[in-house]
């Protein structure tokens, strides 16, 4: 899958421009909080959400920021990937669509 990268978002769209997968990570005071992941139902079960969280984490670190997470999926992903130092894991506050 080809991903588009913006300063606080990584996403993929289909040929019609519909968002098929997305992760968002606003930054405040040097901490980027992964607060939302979304994968279209037709693409679930393929590891795309994990790819997005990893891409976001790598981008956050490359930008010189610390990683935080409030999205339930991202919180679980970071628990399974202790090689990423997460400084702020909050309660489940993921926006659901």
C-alpha atoms as a PDB file:
ATOM      1  CA  UNK A   1       0.000   0.000   0.000  1.00  0.00           C
ATOM      2  CA  UNK A   2       1.229   3.493  -0.780  1.00  0.00           C
ATOM      3  CA  UNK A   3       1.013   5.982   2.048  1.00  0.00           C
ATOM      4  CA  UNK A   4       0.842   9.770   1.958  1.00  0.00           C
ATOM      5  CA  UNK A   5       2.722  11.565   4.710  1.00  0.00           C
ATOM      6  CA  UNK A   6       1.808  14.936   6.175  1.00  0.00           C
ATOM      7  CA  UNK A   7       3.346  16.599   9.242  1.00  0.00           C
ATOM      8  CA  UNK A   8       0.814  15.059  11.672  1.00  0.00           C
ATOM      9  CA  UNK A   9      -0.866  12.337   9.630  1.00  0.00           C
ATOM     10  CA  UNK A  10      -0.075   9.314   7.455  1.00  0.00           C
ATOM     11  CA  UNK A  11      -2.842   7.940   5.261  1.00  0.00           C
ATOM     12  CA  UNK A  12      -3.791   5.981   2.145  1.00  0.00           C
ATOM     13  CA  UNK A  13      -6.621   6.682  -0.275  1.00  0.00           C
ATOM     14  CA  UNK A  14      -8.282   4.608  -2.957  1.00  0.00           C
ATOM     15  CA  UNK A  15      -8.596   5.642  -6.599  1.00  0.00           C
ATOM     16  CA  UNK A  16     -11.682   7.707  -5.768  1.00  0.00           C
ATOM     17  CA  UNK A  17      -9.900   9.634  -3.012  1.00  0.00           C
ATOM     18  CA  UNK A  18     -11.637   7.846  -0.129  1.00  0.00           C
ATOM     19  CA  UNK A  19      -9.458   7.428   2.961  1.00  0.00           C
ATOM     20  CA  UNK A  20      -8.748   3.724   3.358  1.00  0.00           C
ATOM     21  CA  UNK A  21      -6.261   3.872   6.236  1.00  0.00           C
ATOM     22  CA  UNK A  22      -5.009   6.637   8.520  1.00  0.00           C
ATOM     23  CA  UNK A  23      -3.029   7.422  11.644  1.00  0.00           C
ATOM     24  CA  UNK A  24      -2.943  10.876  13.240  1.00  0.00           C
ATOM     25  CA  UNK A  25      -0.436  12.246  15.734  1.00  0.00           C
ATOM     26  CA  UNK A  26      -0.753  15.888  16.860  1.00  0.00           C
ATOM     27  CA  UNK A  27       2.286  17.335  18.618  1.00  0.00           C
ATOM     28  CA  UNK A  28       2.312  19.483  21.759  1.00  0.00           C
ATOM     29  CA  UNK A  29       5.468  20.494  23.617  1.00  0.00           C
ATOM     30  CA  UNK A  30       7.661  18.012  21.752  1.00  0.00           C
ATOM     31  CA  UNK A  31       5.399  15.001  22.323  1.00  0.00           C
ATOM     32  CA  UNK A  32       3.473  13.559  19.375  1.00  0.00           C
ATOM     33  CA  UNK A  33       0.400  11.672  20.552  1.00  0.00           C
ATOM     34  CA  UNK A  34      -0.892   8.902  18.314  1.00  0.00           C
ATOM     35  CA  UNK A  35      -4.571   9.511  18.956  1.00  0.00           C
ATOM     36  CA  UNK A  36      -6.319   7.780  16.056  1.00  0.00           C
ATOM     37  CA  UNK A  37      -5.882   4.831  13.724  1.00  0.00           C
ATOM     38  CA  UNK A  38      -8.348   3.781  11.068  1.00  0.00           C
ATOM     39  CA  UNK A  39      -8.340   0.983   8.507  1.00  0.00           C
ATOM     40  CA  UNK A  40     -11.263   0.459   6.156  1.00  0.00           C
ATOM     41  CA  UNK A  41     -13.157  -2.733   6.893  1.00  0.00           C
ATOM     42  CA  UNK A  42     -12.210  -4.165   3.489  1.00  0.00           C
ATOM     43  CA  UNK A  43      -8.501  -3.998   4.433  1.00  0.00           C
ATOM     44  CA  UNK A  44      -8.590  -5.165   8.039  1.00  0.00           C
ATOM     45  CA  UNK A  45      -6.584  -8.174   9.134  1.00  0.00           C
ATOM     46  CA  UNK A  46      -3.650  -7.407   6.818  1.00  0.00           C
ATOM     47  CA  UNK A  47      -1.386  -5.666   9.328  1.00  0.00           C
ATOM     48  CA  UNK A  48      -2.010  -2.208   7.912  1.00  0.00           C
ATOM     49  CA  UNK A  49      -2.782  -0.566  11.270  1.00  0.00           C
ATOM     50  CA  UNK A  50       0.514  -1.891  12.622  1.00  0.00           C
ATOM     51  CA  UNK A  51       2.358  -0.552   9.576  1.00  0.00           C
ATOM     52  CA  UNK A  52       0.784   2.856  10.118  1.00  0.00           C
ATOM     53  CA  UNK A  53       1.700   3.010  13.809  1.00  0.00           C
ATOM     54  CA  UNK A  54       5.279   1.964  13.036  1.00  0.00           C
ATOM     55  CA  UNK A  55       5.558   4.563  10.258  1.00  0.00           C
ATOM     56  CA  UNK A  56       4.163   7.222  12.601  1.00  0.00           C
ATOM     57  CA  UNK A  57       6.533   6.243  15.413  1.00  0.00           C
ATOM     58  CA  UNK A  58       9.526   6.325  13.077  1.00  0.00           C
ATOM     59  CA  UNK A  59       8.471   9.737  11.721  1.00  0.00           C
ATOM     60  CA  UNK A  60       7.902  11.140  15.210  1.00  0.00           C
ATOM     61  CA  UNK A  61      11.376  10.070  16.298  1.00  0.00           C
ATOM     62  CA  UNK A  62      12.966  11.323  13.058  1.00  0.00           C
ATOM     63  CA  UNK A  63      11.306  14.698  13.680  1.00  0.00           C
ATOM     64  CA  UNK A  64      12.975  14.808  17.105  1.00  0.00           C
ATOM     65  CA  UNK A  65       9.797  14.379  19.126  1.00  0.00           C
ATOM     66  CA  UNK A  66       8.820  11.928  21.843  1.00  0.00           C
ATOM     67  CA  UNK A  67       6.056   9.376  21.302  1.00  0.00           C
ATOM     68  CA  UNK A  68       2.776   9.250  23.175  1.00  0.00           C
ATOM     69  CA  UNK A  69      -0.374   7.231  22.539  1.00  0.00           C
ATOM     70  CA  UNK A  70      -4.026   7.456  23.498  1.00  0.00           C
ATOM     71  CA  UNK A  71      -5.528   5.372  20.683  1.00  0.00           C
ATOM     72  CA  UNK A  72      -6.283   1.893  22.070  1.00  0.00           C
ATOM     73  CA  UNK A  73      -4.729   0.145  19.072  1.00  0.00           C
ATOM     74  CA  UNK A  74      -1.532   2.208  19.326  1.00  0.00           C
ATOM     75  CA  UNK A  75      -1.315   1.650  23.094  1.00  0.00           C
ATOM     76  CA  UNK A  76      -1.491  -2.120  22.536  1.00  0.00           C
ATOM     77  CA  UNK A  77       0.987  -1.941  19.638  1.00  0.00           C
ATOM     78  CA  UNK A  78       3.550  -0.141  21.803  1.00  0.00           C
ATOM     79  CA  UNK A  79       3.107  -2.705  24.582  1.00  0.00           C
ATOM     80  CA  UNK A  80       4.087  -5.345  22.018  1.00  0.00           C
ATOM     81  CA  UNK A  81       7.030  -3.286  20.705  1.00  0.00           C
ATOM     82  CA  UNK A  82       9.063  -2.198  23.747  1.00  0.00           C
ATOM     83  CA  UNK A  83      11.899  -1.074  21.476  1.00  0.00           C
ATOM     84  CA  UNK A  84       9.912   2.152  21.079  1.00  0.00           C
ATOM     85  CA  UNK A  85      10.094   4.321  24.179  1.00  0.00           C
ATOM     86  CA  UNK A  86       6.641   5.749  24.752  1.00  0.00           C
ATOM     87  CA  UNK A  87       6.574   8.644  27.190  1.00  0.00           C
ATOM     88  CA  UNK A  88       2.845   9.191  27.480  1.00  0.00           C
ATOM     89  CA  UNK A  89       0.254   6.446  27.265  1.00  0.00           C
ATOM     90  CA  UNK A  90      -3.144   7.732  28.175  1.00  0.00           C
ATOM     91  CA  UNK A  91      -6.633   6.306  28.551  1.00  0.00           C
ATOM     92  CA  UNK A  92      -8.501   5.085  25.518  1.00  0.00           C
ATOM     93  CA  UNK A  93      -9.468   8.221  23.638  1.00  0.00           C
ATOM     94  CA  UNK A  94      -9.380   7.006  20.051  1.00  0.00           C
ATOM     95  CA  UNK A  95     -11.851   8.601  17.684  1.00  0.00           C
ATOM     96  CA  UNK A  96     -13.972   5.871  16.159  1.00  0.00           C
ATOM     97  CA  UNK A  97     -15.644   6.101  12.779  1.00  0.00           C
END
